[in-house]
Amino acid sequence: MNKFKYLSIAALLLIISACTPSQQAKLEPSSSQANAADTTNIEPVSKAVNGKVNRKGWEVSATGVKYAGQKIKGEYRTYEAAEVWTVVSVTVKNTSGKRQREDDAWFSLAFSKLADSKGNKYDYKERELKYNVDLLSKPFSPGEARSVDLLFDTPKGIKADKFIIEDENFKSLSLKL
């Protein structure tokens, strides 16, 4: 369990550093990117889903999928994908009768993956919180739920099929989208 706590701390530091604005280097587009169609104005397409798992006092549910284009304007920053964003909305709920911290949970969203209908997997790249950031350092109250949008940089036109999280033993658990 100590390994998982250190991994959670490292993941939190990674998320914090990703949320800190930085100077972005100006990149020359590759020849394939230069010939690609502009995807910044893709109309968002959403679908509601209800894949969930309830284990050891926590419920993790994938509540929606959105195909959002190359740029997404979040509350505090704009996220830009190399290709296009596929967004999975996730809700984490404390189902125990006591206060508990997410970093003590059996799962980690930091290593989430998205699988498409062809079996290709994509790593989670960005996270947009749907709750007050002051709650990041506070335990969940009994019955409390918090939502987050996980952003996956994917090729245009994929069909999201599964949301994959890892448990405390690094075993994958798939939620159908």
N, C-alpha and C. Protein backbone atom coordinates (compact mmCIF):
# COMPACT_ATOMS: atom_id res chain seq x y z
N MET A 1 0.82 -1.19 0.00
CA MET A 1 0.00 0.00 0.00
C MET A 1 0.87 1.25 0.00
N ASN A 2 2.07 1.20 0.64
CA ASN A 2 2.95 2.36 0.65
C ASN A 2 3.38 2.74 -0.76
N LYS A 3 3.64 1.73 -1.59
CA LYS A 3 4.02 2.02 -2.98
C LYS A 3 2.93 2.80 -3.67
N PHE A 4 1.66 2.43 -3.41
CA PHE A 4 0.54 3.11 -4.03
C PHE A 4 0.44 4.55 -3.56
N LYS A 5 0.72 4.80 -2.25
CA LYS A 5 0.68 6.16 -1.73
C LYS A 5 1.75 7.02 -2.40
N TYR A 6 2.97 6.48 -2.56
CA TYR A 6 4.03 7.24 -3.22
C TYR A 6 3.67 7.50 -4.67
N LEU A 7 3.05 6.53 -5.31
CA LEU A 7 2.62 6.70 -6.69
C LEU A 7 1.54 7.77 -6.79
N SER A 8 0.63 7.78 -5.83
CA SER A 8 -0.43 8.79 -5.80
C SER A 8 0.16 10.18 -5.61
N ILE A 9 1.16 10.29 -4.73
CA ILE A 9 1.81 11.59 -4.49
C ILE A 9 2.51 12.05 -5.76
N ALA A 10 3.20 11.12 -6.44
CA ALA A 10 3.88 11.48 -7.68
C ALA A 10 2.87 11.91 -8.74
N ALA A 11 1.73 11.22 -8.81
CA ALA A 11 0.70 11.58 -9.78
C ALA A 11 0.13 12.96 -9.47
N LEU A 12 -0.09 13.27 -8.19
CA LEU A 12 -0.60 14.58 -7.80
C LEU A 12 0.39 15.68 -8.17
N LEU A 13 1.68 15.44 -7.93
CA LEU A 13 2.69 16.43 -8.32
C LEU A 13 2.72 16.63 -9.83
N LEU A 14 2.54 15.56 -10.56
CA LEU A 14 2.49 15.65 -12.02
C LEU A 14 1.29 16.48 -12.47
N ILE A 15 0.15 16.26 -11.84
CA ILE A 15 -1.06 17.02 -12.18
C ILE A 15 -0.88 18.48 -11.85
N ILE A 16 -0.30 18.77 -10.69
CA ILE A 16 -0.08 20.16 -10.29
C ILE A 16 0.86 20.85 -11.28
N SER A 17 1.93 20.16 -11.67
CA SER A 17 2.86 20.78 -12.61
C SER A 17 2.22 20.97 -13.97
N ALA A 18 1.31 20.08 -14.35
CA ALA A 18 0.62 20.21 -15.64
C ALA A 18 -0.35 21.37 -15.62
N CYS A 19 -0.87 21.71 -14.43
CA CYS A 19 -1.83 22.81 -14.32
C CYS A 19 -1.15 24.17 -14.22
N THR A 20 0.16 24.18 -14.02
CA THR A 20 0.90 25.42 -13.91
C THR A 20 1.24 25.92 -15.30
N PRO A 21 0.87 27.16 -15.63
CA PRO A 21 1.18 27.68 -16.96
C PRO A 21 2.68 27.68 -17.22
N SER A 22 3.08 27.33 -18.42
CA SER A 22 4.50 27.33 -18.77
C SER A 22 4.67 27.94 -20.15
N GLN A 23 5.88 28.33 -20.45
CA GLN A 23 6.19 28.83 -21.79
C GLN A 23 6.06 27.67 -22.74
N GLN A 24 5.32 27.83 -23.82
CA GLN A 24 5.20 26.73 -24.77
C GLN A 24 6.10 27.02 -25.96
N ALA A 25 6.85 26.00 -26.34
CA ALA A 25 7.75 26.13 -27.48
C ALA A 25 6.94 26.18 -28.76
N LYS A 26 7.43 26.96 -29.72
CA LYS A 26 6.77 27.02 -31.01
C LYS A 26 7.29 25.85 -31.83
N LEU A 27 6.39 24.98 -32.24
CA LEU A 27 6.78 23.78 -32.95
C LEU A 27 6.45 23.90 -34.42
N GLU A 28 7.34 23.38 -35.25
CA GLU A 28 7.07 23.31 -36.68
C GLU A 28 6.19 22.10 -36.92
N PRO A 29 5.10 22.23 -37.68
CA PRO A 29 4.27 21.06 -37.94
C PRO A 29 5.00 20.06 -38.82
N SER A 30 4.78 18.77 -38.53
CA SER A 30 5.36 17.74 -39.38
C SER A 30 4.61 17.74 -40.70
N SER A 31 5.16 17.06 -41.69
CA SER A 31 4.51 17.07 -43.00
C SER A 31 3.12 16.47 -42.92
N SER A 32 2.92 15.46 -42.07
CA SER A 32 1.57 14.88 -41.96
C SER A 32 0.63 15.86 -41.27
N GLN A 33 1.14 16.64 -40.31
CA GLN A 33 0.30 17.62 -39.64
C GLN A 33 -0.01 18.79 -40.58
N ALA A 34 0.95 19.18 -41.38
CA ALA A 34 0.75 20.30 -42.28
C ALA A 34 -0.33 19.98 -43.31
N ASN A 35 -0.46 18.70 -43.69
CA ASN A 35 -1.46 18.31 -44.67
C ASN A 35 -2.78 17.90 -44.05
N ALA A 36 -2.84 17.83 -42.73
CA ALA A 36 -4.06 17.40 -42.05
C ALA A 36 -5.09 18.51 -42.08
N ALA A 37 -6.35 18.11 -42.05
CA ALA A 37 -7.43 19.09 -42.03
C ALA A 37 -7.44 19.80 -40.68
N ASP A 38 -7.85 21.05 -40.67
CA ASP A 38 -7.96 21.82 -39.44
C ASP A 38 -9.11 21.24 -38.62
N THR A 39 -8.80 20.84 -37.40
CA THR A 39 -9.82 20.22 -36.56
C THR A 39 -10.20 21.09 -35.38
N THR A 40 -9.85 22.36 -35.39
CA THR A 40 -10.14 23.22 -34.24
C THR A 40 -11.61 23.55 -34.12
N ASN A 41 -12.38 23.41 -35.17
CA ASN A 41 -13.78 23.78 -35.12
C ASN A 41 -14.72 22.58 -35.22
N ILE A 42 -14.31 21.45 -34.70
CA ILE A 42 -15.17 20.27 -34.72
C ILE A 42 -16.32 20.51 -33.76
N GLU A 43 -17.51 20.19 -34.20
CA GLU A 43 -18.70 20.31 -33.36
C GLU A 43 -18.65 19.24 -32.27
N PRO A 44 -18.74 19.61 -30.99
CA PRO A 44 -18.71 18.60 -29.94
C PRO A 44 -19.87 17.61 -30.09
N VAL A 45 -19.57 16.35 -29.95
CA VAL A 45 -20.58 15.30 -29.98
C VAL A 45 -20.48 14.58 -28.65
N SER A 46 -21.59 14.46 -27.95
CA SER A 46 -21.58 13.84 -26.63
C SER A 46 -22.51 12.64 -26.61
N LYS A 47 -22.19 11.71 -25.72
CA LYS A 47 -23.13 10.63 -25.45
C LYS A 47 -23.05 10.30 -23.97
N ALA A 48 -24.18 10.01 -23.38
CA ALA A 48 -24.22 9.65 -21.97
C ALA A 48 -23.88 8.17 -21.84
N VAL A 49 -23.12 7.85 -20.82
CA VAL A 49 -22.76 6.46 -20.56
C VAL A 49 -22.96 6.20 -19.07
N ASN A 50 -22.92 4.95 -18.68
CA ASN A 50 -23.08 4.65 -17.26
C ASN A 50 -22.28 3.41 -16.88
N GLY A 51 -20.99 3.39 -17.22
CA GLY A 51 -20.13 2.31 -16.75
C GLY A 51 -19.64 2.66 -15.36
N LYS A 52 -19.83 1.76 -14.40
CA LYS A 52 -19.37 2.08 -13.05
C LYS A 52 -18.97 0.84 -12.30
N VAL A 53 -18.16 1.07 -11.27
CA VAL A 53 -17.73 0.00 -10.36
C VAL A 53 -17.78 0.55 -8.94
N ASN A 54 -18.26 -0.27 -8.02
CA ASN A 54 -18.37 0.12 -6.62
C ASN A 54 -17.59 -0.91 -5.81
N ARG A 55 -16.48 -0.44 -5.20
CA ARG A 55 -15.59 -1.35 -4.48
C ARG A 55 -14.94 -0.64 -3.30
N LYS A 56 -14.85 -1.32 -2.18
CA LYS A 56 -14.10 -0.86 -1.01
C LYS A 56 -14.41 0.59 -0.61
N GLY A 57 -15.68 0.96 -0.62
CA GLY A 57 -16.09 2.28 -0.17
C GLY A 57 -15.99 3.38 -1.20
N TRP A 58 -15.72 3.03 -2.45
CA TRP A 58 -15.61 4.02 -3.52
C TRP A 58 -16.40 3.57 -4.74
N GLU A 59 -17.05 4.52 -5.39
CA GLU A 59 -17.71 4.25 -6.66
C GLU A 59 -17.05 5.14 -7.72
N VAL A 60 -16.63 4.52 -8.81
CA VAL A 60 -16.06 5.24 -9.94
C VAL A 60 -17.00 5.01 -11.11
N SER A 61 -17.49 6.09 -11.71
CA SER A 61 -18.38 5.92 -12.85
C SER A 61 -18.00 6.85 -13.99
N ALA A 62 -18.03 6.27 -15.18
CA ALA A 62 -17.87 7.06 -16.41
C ALA A 62 -19.26 7.50 -16.80
N THR A 63 -19.49 8.81 -16.83
CA THR A 63 -20.85 9.33 -17.02
C THR A 63 -21.09 9.94 -18.39
N GLY A 64 -20.04 10.10 -19.18
CA GLY A 64 -20.24 10.66 -20.51
C GLY A 64 -18.97 10.65 -21.33
N VAL A 65 -19.15 10.73 -22.64
CA VAL A 65 -18.04 10.82 -23.59
C VAL A 65 -18.34 11.96 -24.54
N LYS A 66 -17.33 12.79 -24.82
CA LYS A 66 -17.51 13.91 -25.74
C LYS A 66 -16.32 13.94 -26.68
N TYR A 67 -16.61 14.10 -27.97
CA TYR A 67 -15.57 14.25 -28.98
C TYR A 67 -15.51 15.75 -29.24
N ALA A 68 -14.43 16.40 -28.79
CA ALA A 68 -14.47 17.84 -28.62
C ALA A 68 -13.60 18.68 -29.55
N GLY A 69 -12.84 18.13 -30.43
CA GLY A 69 -12.01 18.95 -31.30
C GLY A 69 -10.60 19.11 -30.76
N GLN A 70 -9.84 20.01 -31.37
CA GLN A 70 -8.43 20.15 -31.03
C GLN A 70 -8.19 21.05 -29.83
N LYS A 71 -9.07 22.01 -29.58
CA LYS A 71 -8.91 22.91 -28.43
C LYS A 71 -10.14 22.86 -27.55
N ILE A 72 -9.89 22.86 -26.26
CA ILE A 72 -10.97 22.90 -25.28
C ILE A 72 -10.66 24.03 -24.31
N LYS A 73 -11.61 24.92 -24.10
CA LYS A 73 -11.44 26.00 -23.14
C LYS A 73 -11.97 25.52 -21.80
N GLY A 74 -11.07 25.34 -20.84
CA GLY A 74 -11.45 24.94 -19.49
C GLY A 74 -11.72 26.17 -18.64
N GLU A 75 -11.98 25.95 -17.37
CA GLU A 75 -12.26 27.07 -16.47
C GLU A 75 -11.03 27.96 -16.28
N TYR A 76 -9.83 27.34 -16.21
CA TYR A 76 -8.63 28.10 -15.92
C TYR A 76 -7.63 28.16 -17.07
N ARG A 77 -7.80 27.30 -18.08
CA ARG A 77 -6.84 27.29 -19.17
C ARG A 77 -7.46 26.64 -20.41
N THR A 78 -6.76 26.77 -21.51
CA THR A 78 -7.17 26.14 -22.76
C THR A 78 -6.26 24.94 -23.00
N TYR A 79 -6.86 23.82 -23.35
CA TYR A 79 -6.13 22.59 -23.61
C TYR A 79 -6.06 22.40 -25.12
N GLU A 80 -4.88 22.08 -25.63
CA GLU A 80 -4.72 21.88 -27.06
C GLU A 80 -4.14 20.49 -27.32
N ALA A 81 -4.85 19.74 -28.15
CA ALA A 81 -4.44 18.38 -28.48
C ALA A 81 -3.56 18.39 -29.72
N ALA A 82 -2.73 17.36 -29.88
CA ALA A 82 -1.97 17.17 -31.10
C ALA A 82 -2.94 16.80 -32.22
N GLU A 83 -3.94 15.96 -31.88
CA GLU A 83 -4.95 15.56 -32.87
C GLU A 83 -6.29 16.14 -32.40
N VAL A 84 -7.14 15.35 -31.76
CA VAL A 84 -8.40 15.87 -31.21
C VAL A 84 -8.62 15.29 -29.81
N TRP A 85 -9.39 16.02 -29.01
CA TRP A 85 -9.68 15.56 -27.65
C TRP A 85 -10.89 14.64 -27.65
N THR A 86 -10.74 13.51 -26.97
CA THR A 86 -11.88 12.69 -26.59
C THR A 86 -11.95 12.82 -25.08
N VAL A 87 -13.09 13.29 -24.59
CA VAL A 87 -13.24 13.62 -23.17
C VAL A 87 -14.15 12.59 -22.50
N VAL A 88 -13.67 12.00 -21.42
CA VAL A 88 -14.46 11.06 -20.64
C VAL A 88 -14.78 11.75 -19.31
N SER A 89 -16.07 11.92 -19.04
CA SER A 89 -16.50 12.50 -17.76
C SER A 89 -16.58 11.38 -16.73
N VAL A 90 -15.95 11.61 -15.59
CA VAL A 90 -15.85 10.58 -14.54
C VAL A 90 -16.31 11.19 -13.22
N THR A 91 -17.05 10.41 -12.46
CA THR A 91 -17.47 10.82 -11.12
C THR A 91 -16.93 9.81 -10.12
N VAL A 92 -16.33 10.33 -9.04
CA VAL A 92 -15.81 9.51 -7.95
C VAL A 92 -16.66 9.83 -6.72
N LYS A 93 -17.17 8.77 -6.08
CA LYS A 93 -18.06 8.96 -4.93
C LYS A 93 -17.59 8.12 -3.75
N ASN A 94 -17.63 8.72 -2.57
CA ASN A 94 -17.33 8.01 -1.33
C ASN A 94 -18.60 7.28 -0.90
N THR A 95 -18.61 5.96 -0.99
CA THR A 95 -19.79 5.18 -0.62
C THR A 95 -19.66 4.56 0.77
N SER A 96 -18.57 4.89 1.46
CA SER A 96 -18.41 4.38 2.83
C SER A 96 -19.18 5.29 3.79
N GLY A 97 -19.27 4.90 5.01
CA GLY A 97 -19.96 5.71 6.01
C GLY A 97 -19.02 6.64 6.76
N LYS A 98 -17.80 6.83 6.24
CA LYS A 98 -16.82 7.67 6.95
C LYS A 98 -16.08 8.56 5.94
N ARG A 99 -15.42 9.59 6.48
CA ARG A 99 -14.58 10.44 5.63
C ARG A 99 -13.37 9.65 5.17
N GLN A 100 -12.99 9.85 3.91
CA GLN A 100 -11.79 9.18 3.42
C GLN A 100 -11.16 10.00 2.30
N ARG A 101 -9.85 9.79 2.17
CA ARG A 101 -9.07 10.53 1.17
C ARG A 101 -8.99 9.72 -0.11
N GLU A 102 -9.04 10.42 -1.24
CA GLU A 102 -8.95 9.74 -2.53
C GLU A 102 -7.60 9.05 -2.71
N ASP A 103 -6.53 9.61 -2.13
CA ASP A 103 -5.21 8.98 -2.31
C ASP A 103 -5.09 7.66 -1.53
N ASP A 104 -6.06 7.33 -0.68
CA ASP A 104 -6.10 6.03 -0.01
C ASP A 104 -7.02 5.04 -0.73
N ALA A 105 -7.58 5.44 -1.85
CA ALA A 105 -8.56 4.60 -2.57
C ALA A 105 -7.87 3.44 -3.29
N TRP A 106 -8.67 2.50 -3.75
CA TRP A 106 -8.18 1.30 -4.43
C TRP A 106 -7.83 1.56 -5.89
N PHE A 107 -8.11 2.73 -6.40
CA PHE A 107 -7.91 3.05 -7.82
C PHE A 107 -7.05 4.30 -7.97
N SER A 108 -6.60 4.52 -9.20
CA SER A 108 -5.89 5.74 -9.53
C SER A 108 -6.34 6.21 -10.90
N LEU A 109 -6.85 7.43 -10.98
CA LEU A 109 -7.25 7.99 -12.27
C LEU A 109 -6.04 8.50 -13.05
N ALA A 110 -4.90 8.67 -12.38
CA ALA A 110 -3.71 9.22 -13.02
C ALA A 110 -3.16 8.33 -14.13
N PHE A 111 -3.48 7.06 -14.11
CA PHE A 111 -2.97 6.14 -15.12
C PHE A 111 -4.09 5.61 -16.01
N SER A 112 -5.17 6.39 -16.12
CA SER A 112 -6.32 5.99 -16.92
C SER A 112 -5.97 5.88 -18.39
N LYS A 113 -6.71 5.02 -19.05
CA LYS A 113 -6.57 4.84 -20.50
C LYS A 113 -7.95 4.81 -21.12
N LEU A 114 -7.98 5.08 -22.40
CA LEU A 114 -9.20 5.00 -23.19
C LEU A 114 -8.93 3.99 -24.30
N ALA A 115 -9.84 3.05 -24.49
CA ALA A 115 -9.72 2.09 -25.58
C ALA A 115 -10.81 2.39 -26.60
N ASP A 116 -10.44 2.38 -27.87
CA ASP A 116 -11.44 2.61 -28.91
C ASP A 116 -12.02 1.28 -29.38
N SER A 117 -12.96 1.36 -30.31
CA SER A 117 -13.67 0.17 -30.78
C SER A 117 -12.76 -0.80 -31.53
N LYS A 118 -11.57 -0.34 -31.93
CA LYS A 118 -10.62 -1.21 -32.63
C LYS A 118 -9.56 -1.78 -31.69
N GLY A 119 -9.67 -1.45 -30.39
CA GLY A 119 -8.72 -1.98 -29.41
C GLY A 119 -7.50 -1.11 -29.18
N ASN A 120 -7.39 0.02 -29.88
CA ASN A 120 -6.27 0.94 -29.65
C ASN A 120 -6.46 1.61 -28.29
N LYS A 121 -5.35 1.84 -27.58
CA LYS A 121 -5.41 2.47 -26.27
C LYS A 121 -4.70 3.81 -26.28
N TYR A 122 -5.26 4.75 -25.53
CA TYR A 122 -4.73 6.11 -25.45
C TYR A 122 -4.59 6.48 -23.97
N ASP A 123 -3.46 7.08 -23.61
CA ASP A 123 -3.21 7.51 -22.24
C ASP A 123 -3.94 8.82 -21.96
N TYR A 124 -4.32 8.98 -20.72
CA TYR A 124 -4.91 10.23 -20.27
C TYR A 124 -3.84 11.32 -20.33
N LYS A 125 -4.20 12.49 -20.84
CA LYS A 125 -3.23 13.58 -21.00
C LYS A 125 -3.50 14.77 -20.09
N GLU A 126 -4.75 15.13 -19.91
CA GLU A 126 -5.11 16.32 -19.13
C GLU A 126 -6.33 16.01 -18.28
N ARG A 127 -6.55 16.89 -17.29
CA ARG A 127 -7.67 16.72 -16.36
C ARG A 127 -8.30 18.09 -16.11
N GLU A 128 -9.61 18.17 -16.27
CA GLU A 128 -10.35 19.40 -15.97
C GLU A 128 -11.31 19.09 -14.82
N LEU A 129 -11.03 19.67 -13.65
CA LEU A 129 -11.86 19.43 -12.47
C LEU A 129 -13.21 20.11 -12.64
N LYS A 130 -14.25 19.46 -12.17
CA LYS A 130 -15.60 20.01 -12.22
C LYS A 130 -16.07 20.38 -10.81
N TYR A 131 -15.13 20.57 -9.92
CA TYR A 131 -15.44 20.97 -8.55
C TYR A 131 -14.40 21.98 -8.10
N ASN A 132 -14.65 22.64 -6.98
CA ASN A 132 -13.77 23.66 -6.44
C ASN A 132 -12.40 23.06 -6.12
N VAL A 133 -11.33 23.68 -6.63
CA VAL A 133 -9.97 23.17 -6.43
C VAL A 133 -9.57 23.15 -4.95
N ASP A 134 -10.26 23.91 -4.10
CA ASP A 134 -9.97 23.88 -2.66
C ASP A 134 -10.25 22.49 -2.07
N LEU A 135 -11.07 21.71 -2.74
CA LEU A 135 -11.39 20.36 -2.25
C LEU A 135 -10.29 19.35 -2.52
N LEU A 136 -9.31 19.70 -3.36
CA LEU A 136 -8.23 18.77 -3.69
C LEU A 136 -7.52 18.23 -2.46
N SER A 137 -7.33 19.07 -1.46
CA SER A 137 -6.59 18.64 -0.27
C SER A 137 -7.50 18.17 0.86
N LYS A 138 -8.81 18.07 0.59
CA LYS A 138 -9.74 17.68 1.64
C LYS A 138 -10.31 16.28 1.39
N PRO A 139 -10.54 15.54 2.48
CA PRO A 139 -11.15 14.21 2.33
C PRO A 139 -12.58 14.32 1.81
N PHE A 140 -13.05 13.23 1.21
CA PHE A 140 -14.44 13.13 0.79
C PHE A 140 -15.30 12.85 2.03
N SER A 141 -16.42 13.53 2.15
CA SER A 141 -17.39 13.22 3.20
C SER A 141 -18.18 11.98 2.77
N PRO A 142 -18.83 11.29 3.70
CA PRO A 142 -19.65 10.14 3.31
C PRO A 142 -20.71 10.56 2.28
N GLY A 143 -20.80 9.83 1.19
CA GLY A 143 -21.78 10.12 0.15
C GLY A 143 -21.38 11.22 -0.82
N GLU A 144 -20.26 11.90 -0.58
CA GLU A 144 -19.83 12.99 -1.45
C GLU A 144 -19.29 12.46 -2.78
N ALA A 145 -19.65 13.15 -3.86
CA ALA A 145 -19.18 12.80 -5.20
C ALA A 145 -18.50 14.03 -5.82
N ARG A 146 -17.44 13.77 -6.57
CA ARG A 146 -16.73 14.82 -7.31
C ARG A 146 -16.53 14.35 -8.74
N SER A 147 -16.69 15.28 -9.67
CA SER A 147 -16.57 14.93 -11.08
C SER A 147 -15.37 15.60 -11.73
N VAL A 148 -14.86 14.95 -12.75
CA VAL A 148 -13.70 15.42 -13.48
C VAL A 148 -13.85 15.00 -14.94
N ASP A 149 -13.34 15.81 -15.85
CA ASP A 149 -13.25 15.43 -17.26
C ASP A 149 -11.81 15.03 -17.53
N LEU A 150 -11.61 13.81 -18.02
CA LEU A 150 -10.29 13.33 -18.40
C LEU A 150 -10.16 13.47 -19.91
N LEU A 151 -9.08 14.12 -20.36
CA LEU A 151 -8.88 14.40 -21.78
C LEU A 151 -7.86 13.43 -22.37
N PHE A 152 -8.24 12.81 -23.46
CA PHE A 152 -7.39 11.86 -24.18
C PHE A 152 -7.14 12.41 -25.57
N ASP A 153 -5.88 12.52 -25.96
CA ASP A 153 -5.49 13.00 -27.29
C ASP A 153 -5.58 11.82 -28.25
N THR A 154 -6.58 11.83 -29.13
CA THR A 154 -6.86 10.68 -29.99
C THR A 154 -6.96 11.12 -31.46
N PRO A 155 -6.86 10.18 -32.39
CA PRO A 155 -7.10 10.51 -33.79
C PRO A 155 -8.58 10.89 -33.99
N LYS A 156 -8.84 11.70 -34.97
CA LYS A 156 -10.20 12.11 -35.31
C LYS A 156 -10.99 10.89 -35.77
N GLY A 157 -12.23 10.79 -35.34
CA GLY A 157 -13.13 9.75 -35.82
C GLY A 157 -13.13 8.45 -35.06
N ILE A 158 -12.39 8.36 -33.94
CA ILE A 158 -12.43 7.10 -33.20
C ILE A 158 -13.78 6.95 -32.50
N LYS A 159 -14.09 5.75 -32.08
CA LYS A 159 -15.29 5.49 -31.28
C LYS A 159 -14.82 4.95 -29.93
N ALA A 160 -14.99 5.76 -28.89
CA ALA A 160 -14.59 5.34 -27.55
C ALA A 160 -15.40 4.13 -27.12
N ASP A 161 -14.71 3.11 -26.60
CA ASP A 161 -15.38 1.86 -26.23
C ASP A 161 -15.25 1.55 -24.74
N LYS A 162 -14.05 1.75 -24.16
CA LYS A 162 -13.82 1.40 -22.76
C LYS A 162 -12.97 2.47 -22.07
N PHE A 163 -13.29 2.71 -20.82
CA PHE A 163 -12.49 3.56 -19.94
C PHE A 163 -11.78 2.60 -19.00
N ILE A 164 -10.46 2.69 -18.94
CA ILE A 164 -9.66 1.72 -18.18
C ILE A 164 -8.96 2.42 -17.02
N ILE A 165 -9.17 1.90 -15.81
CA ILE A 165 -8.47 2.40 -14.63
C ILE A 165 -7.67 1.25 -14.04
N GLU A 166 -6.71 1.58 -13.19
CA GLU A 166 -5.91 0.56 -12.52
C GLU A 166 -6.24 0.53 -11.04
N ASP A 167 -6.22 -0.68 -10.48
CA ASP A 167 -6.46 -0.81 -9.04
C ASP A 167 -5.15 -0.71 -8.28
N GLU A 168 -5.20 -0.92 -6.95
CA GLU A 168 -4.01 -0.76 -6.11
C GLU A 168 -2.91 -1.77 -6.44
N ASN A 169 -3.26 -2.83 -7.15
CA ASN A 169 -2.27 -3.85 -7.58
C ASN A 169 -1.86 -3.67 -9.03
N PHE A 170 -2.21 -2.53 -9.61
CA PHE A 170 -1.90 -2.18 -11.00
C PHE A 170 -2.58 -3.12 -12.01
N LYS A 171 -3.71 -3.68 -11.62
CA LYS A 171 -4.50 -4.51 -12.54
C LYS A 171 -5.54 -3.61 -13.18
N SER A 172 -5.71 -3.78 -14.49
CA SER A 172 -6.65 -2.95 -15.24
C SER A 172 -8.10 -3.38 -15.02
N LEU A 173 -8.96 -2.39 -14.94
CA LEU A 173 -10.40 -2.61 -14.82
C LEU A 173 -11.05 -1.75 -15.89
N SER A 174 -11.85 -2.37 -16.76
CA SER A 174 -12.48 -1.66 -17.88
C SER A 174 -13.93 -1.34 -17.59
N LEU A 175 -14.31 -0.11 -17.86
CA LEU A 175 -15.71 0.32 -17.77
C LEU A 175 -16.21 0.55 -19.19
N LYS A 176 -17.30 -0.08 -19.55
CA LYS A 176 -17.86 0.05 -20.89
C LYS A 176 -18.44 1.44 -21.07
N LEU A 177 -18.10 2.04 -22.20
CA LEU A 177 -18.63 3.38 -22.52
C LEU A 177 -19.78 3.27 -23.49
